[in-house]
N, C-alpha and C. Protein backbone atom coordinates (compact mmCIF):
# COMPACT_ATOMS: atom_id res chain seq x y z
N MET A 1 34.96 43.12 -94.01
CA MET A 1 34.19 42.52 -92.88
C MET A 1 33.27 41.49 -93.45
N SER A 2 33.30 40.31 -92.85
CA SER A 2 32.45 39.20 -93.21
C SER A 2 31.04 39.29 -92.77
N ASP A 3 30.12 38.74 -93.54
CA ASP A 3 28.72 38.71 -93.11
C ASP A 3 28.42 37.47 -92.29
N ARG A 4 29.39 36.59 -92.14
CA ARG A 4 29.21 35.31 -91.49
C ARG A 4 28.96 35.63 -89.97
N PRO A 5 28.00 34.92 -89.37
CA PRO A 5 27.72 35.11 -87.96
C PRO A 5 29.00 34.72 -87.11
N VAL A 6 29.33 35.55 -86.19
CA VAL A 6 30.49 35.36 -85.33
C VAL A 6 30.39 34.00 -84.62
N THR A 7 29.23 33.62 -84.22
CA THR A 7 29.00 32.38 -83.41
C THR A 7 29.34 31.15 -84.24
N GLU A 8 29.45 31.24 -85.53
CA GLU A 8 29.79 30.07 -86.36
C GLU A 8 31.28 30.06 -86.76
N MET A 9 32.01 31.04 -86.36
CA MET A 9 33.45 31.12 -86.72
C MET A 9 34.35 30.25 -85.87
N SER A 10 35.37 29.72 -86.50
CA SER A 10 36.46 29.04 -85.70
C SER A 10 37.30 30.15 -85.05
N PHE A 11 38.16 29.69 -84.15
CA PHE A 11 39.04 30.67 -83.50
C PHE A 11 39.88 31.40 -84.55
N GLU A 12 40.46 30.65 -85.50
CA GLU A 12 41.30 31.26 -86.51
C GLU A 12 40.54 32.27 -87.41
N GLU A 13 39.37 31.94 -87.79
CA GLU A 13 38.55 32.83 -88.60
C GLU A 13 38.27 34.10 -87.83
N ALA A 14 37.86 33.96 -86.59
CA ALA A 14 37.52 35.12 -85.79
C ALA A 14 38.76 35.98 -85.51
N MET A 15 39.86 35.35 -85.31
CA MET A 15 41.08 36.14 -85.04
C MET A 15 41.55 36.88 -86.30
N ARG A 16 41.45 36.26 -87.47
CA ARG A 16 41.79 36.96 -88.72
C ARG A 16 40.91 38.16 -88.95
N GLU A 17 39.60 37.97 -88.75
CA GLU A 17 38.69 39.13 -88.96
C GLU A 17 38.90 40.16 -87.88
N LEU A 18 39.19 39.81 -86.61
CA LEU A 18 39.44 40.75 -85.61
C LEU A 18 40.71 41.61 -85.93
N GLU A 19 41.73 40.96 -86.45
CA GLU A 19 42.92 41.67 -86.88
C GLU A 19 42.62 42.69 -87.98
N ALA A 20 41.73 42.28 -88.91
CA ALA A 20 41.36 43.20 -90.03
C ALA A 20 40.59 44.36 -89.50
N VAL A 21 39.71 44.11 -88.51
CA VAL A 21 38.89 45.17 -87.91
C VAL A 21 39.83 46.17 -87.21
N VAL A 22 40.78 45.69 -86.45
CA VAL A 22 41.71 46.56 -85.74
C VAL A 22 42.50 47.39 -86.71
N ARG A 23 42.96 46.79 -87.81
CA ARG A 23 43.70 47.59 -88.87
C ARG A 23 42.87 48.68 -89.41
N GLN A 24 41.57 48.40 -89.72
CA GLN A 24 40.68 49.38 -90.25
C GLN A 24 40.48 50.56 -89.23
N LEU A 25 40.24 50.21 -88.00
CA LEU A 25 40.03 51.24 -87.02
C LEU A 25 41.28 52.06 -86.77
N GLU A 26 42.41 51.41 -86.78
CA GLU A 26 43.66 52.14 -86.53
C GLU A 26 44.04 53.04 -87.73
N SER A 27 43.53 52.70 -88.89
CA SER A 27 43.87 53.53 -90.07
C SER A 27 43.34 54.94 -90.01
N GLY A 28 42.21 55.08 -89.26
CA GLY A 28 41.60 56.40 -89.14
C GLY A 28 40.81 56.89 -90.37
N ASP A 29 40.73 55.99 -91.35
CA ASP A 29 40.03 56.33 -92.57
C ASP A 29 38.56 55.86 -92.63
N VAL A 30 38.05 55.56 -91.44
CA VAL A 30 36.64 55.08 -91.35
C VAL A 30 35.75 56.12 -90.77
N GLU A 31 34.59 56.32 -91.33
CA GLU A 31 33.66 57.29 -90.83
C GLU A 31 33.11 56.86 -89.49
N LEU A 32 32.54 57.76 -88.77
CA LEU A 32 32.11 57.52 -87.38
C LEU A 32 31.16 56.33 -87.30
N GLU A 33 30.07 56.36 -88.09
CA GLU A 33 29.08 55.27 -88.02
C GLU A 33 29.70 53.90 -88.33
N ALA A 34 30.55 53.84 -89.36
CA ALA A 34 31.25 52.65 -89.72
C ALA A 34 32.22 52.21 -88.65
N SER A 35 32.84 53.16 -87.96
CA SER A 35 33.72 52.84 -86.83
C SER A 35 32.96 52.21 -85.73
N ILE A 36 31.77 52.66 -85.39
CA ILE A 36 30.95 52.09 -84.40
C ILE A 36 30.57 50.64 -84.72
N GLN A 37 30.19 50.48 -85.96
CA GLN A 37 29.84 49.07 -86.38
C GLN A 37 31.06 48.17 -86.34
N LEU A 38 32.23 48.67 -86.77
CA LEU A 38 33.45 47.87 -86.65
C LEU A 38 33.81 47.56 -85.25
N TYR A 39 33.68 48.53 -84.31
CA TYR A 39 33.95 48.29 -82.96
C TYR A 39 33.07 47.21 -82.36
N GLU A 40 31.76 47.30 -82.68
CA GLU A 40 30.83 46.30 -82.18
C GLU A 40 31.15 44.88 -82.69
N ARG A 41 31.50 44.80 -84.01
CA ARG A 41 31.91 43.57 -84.60
C ARG A 41 33.21 43.02 -83.95
N GLY A 42 34.12 43.96 -83.72
CA GLY A 42 35.37 43.57 -83.04
C GLY A 42 35.16 43.07 -81.66
N ALA A 43 34.24 43.68 -80.91
CA ALA A 43 33.95 43.23 -79.57
C ALA A 43 33.35 41.77 -79.57
N ALA A 44 32.50 41.53 -80.54
CA ALA A 44 31.87 40.21 -80.70
C ALA A 44 32.97 39.12 -81.08
N LEU A 45 33.87 39.56 -81.98
CA LEU A 45 34.93 38.66 -82.37
C LEU A 45 35.88 38.37 -81.26
N LYS A 46 36.21 39.34 -80.48
CA LYS A 46 37.07 39.17 -79.28
C LYS A 46 36.44 38.16 -78.33
N LYS A 47 35.14 38.34 -78.06
CA LYS A 47 34.43 37.45 -77.17
C LYS A 47 34.44 35.98 -77.72
N ARG A 48 34.29 35.85 -79.08
CA ARG A 48 34.29 34.53 -79.67
C ARG A 48 35.68 33.90 -79.49
N CYS A 49 36.72 34.66 -79.69
CA CYS A 49 38.09 34.14 -79.52
C CYS A 49 38.32 33.67 -78.10
N GLU A 50 37.85 34.50 -77.13
CA GLU A 50 37.99 34.11 -75.73
C GLU A 50 37.23 32.81 -75.40
N GLU A 51 36.01 32.67 -75.97
CA GLU A 51 35.23 31.44 -75.72
C GLU A 51 35.94 30.25 -76.33
N LYS A 52 36.46 30.38 -77.48
CA LYS A 52 37.13 29.25 -78.10
C LYS A 52 38.45 28.89 -77.38
N LEU A 53 39.17 29.89 -76.90
CA LEU A 53 40.36 29.61 -76.08
C LEU A 53 40.01 28.90 -74.78
N LYS A 54 38.92 29.31 -74.17
CA LYS A 54 38.43 28.71 -72.92
C LYS A 54 38.09 27.20 -73.16
N GLU A 55 37.42 26.98 -74.27
CA GLU A 55 37.05 25.59 -74.61
C GLU A 55 38.36 24.74 -74.78
N ALA A 56 39.35 25.29 -75.47
CA ALA A 56 40.59 24.58 -75.66
C ALA A 56 41.26 24.34 -74.32
N GLU A 57 41.30 25.32 -73.46
CA GLU A 57 41.93 25.18 -72.15
C GLU A 57 41.28 24.06 -71.35
N GLU A 58 39.94 24.06 -71.39
CA GLU A 58 39.18 22.97 -70.69
C GLU A 58 39.54 21.60 -71.24
N LYS A 59 39.65 21.45 -72.55
CA LYS A 59 40.00 20.17 -73.13
C LYS A 59 41.40 19.72 -72.70
N VAL A 60 42.32 20.68 -72.72
CA VAL A 60 43.68 20.33 -72.30
C VAL A 60 43.75 19.94 -70.82
N ALA A 61 42.98 20.71 -70.00
CA ALA A 61 42.97 20.44 -68.57
C ALA A 61 42.39 19.03 -68.27
N ALA A 62 41.51 18.55 -69.17
CA ALA A 62 40.84 17.29 -68.93
C ALA A 62 41.70 16.08 -69.27
N ILE A 63 42.83 16.30 -69.95
CA ILE A 63 43.72 15.20 -70.32
C ILE A 63 44.45 14.69 -69.09
N THR A 64 44.38 13.36 -68.85
CA THR A 64 45.06 12.74 -67.71
C THR A 64 46.38 12.17 -68.21
N LEU A 65 47.39 12.22 -67.32
CA LEU A 65 48.72 11.68 -67.68
C LEU A 65 49.12 10.59 -66.70
N ASN A 66 49.94 9.60 -67.20
CA ASN A 66 50.44 8.56 -66.30
C ASN A 66 51.73 9.07 -65.66
N GLU A 67 52.38 8.17 -64.92
CA GLU A 67 53.63 8.59 -64.23
C GLU A 67 54.72 9.07 -65.20
N GLN A 68 54.70 8.55 -66.40
CA GLN A 68 55.71 8.94 -67.39
C GLN A 68 55.35 10.20 -68.15
N GLY A 69 54.20 10.80 -67.81
CA GLY A 69 53.79 11.99 -68.48
C GLY A 69 53.08 11.77 -69.79
N GLU A 70 52.66 10.49 -70.09
CA GLU A 70 52.02 10.19 -71.31
C GLU A 70 50.49 10.28 -71.15
N PRO A 71 49.77 10.80 -72.14
CA PRO A 71 48.30 10.87 -71.98
C PRO A 71 47.70 9.46 -71.85
N THR A 72 46.80 9.35 -70.88
CA THR A 72 46.12 8.09 -70.69
C THR A 72 44.67 8.12 -70.85
N GLY A 73 44.11 9.27 -70.93
CA GLY A 73 42.66 9.40 -71.07
C GLY A 73 42.21 10.82 -70.74
N MET A 74 40.94 10.94 -70.56
CA MET A 74 40.38 12.26 -70.32
C MET A 74 39.49 12.22 -69.12
N ASN A 75 39.54 13.28 -68.30
CA ASN A 75 38.58 13.44 -67.22
C ASN A 75 37.36 14.18 -67.77
N PRO A 76 36.18 13.85 -67.37
CA PRO A 76 35.03 14.70 -67.82
C PRO A 76 35.30 16.13 -67.41
N VAL A 77 35.00 17.06 -68.31
CA VAL A 77 35.21 18.50 -68.09
C VAL A 77 34.48 18.94 -66.86
N GLU A 78 33.29 18.46 -66.58
CA GLU A 78 32.52 18.93 -65.45
C GLU A 78 33.15 18.58 -64.10
N ASP A 79 34.12 17.62 -64.11
CA ASP A 79 34.85 17.22 -62.90
C ASP A 79 35.98 18.15 -62.52
N LEU A 80 36.27 19.06 -63.40
CA LEU A 80 37.43 20.01 -63.23
C LEU A 80 37.10 21.07 -62.25
């Protein structure tokens, strides 16, 4: 488990660590107190992944296309 703050992680970093947390919890070899800490870290990592996915979805939704389906620009996100 990394000491890096979850809020500073990229989507990929958070996803990798979340997968490691899940593997540890599923192994059943973690003591109760450590399991609670892992679960809390996992919840924060899941939230970070969801936030980063939402950001990406908003960026994709802001792309405008012309009649041929080619990108022509971006709409401001707040107009969506």
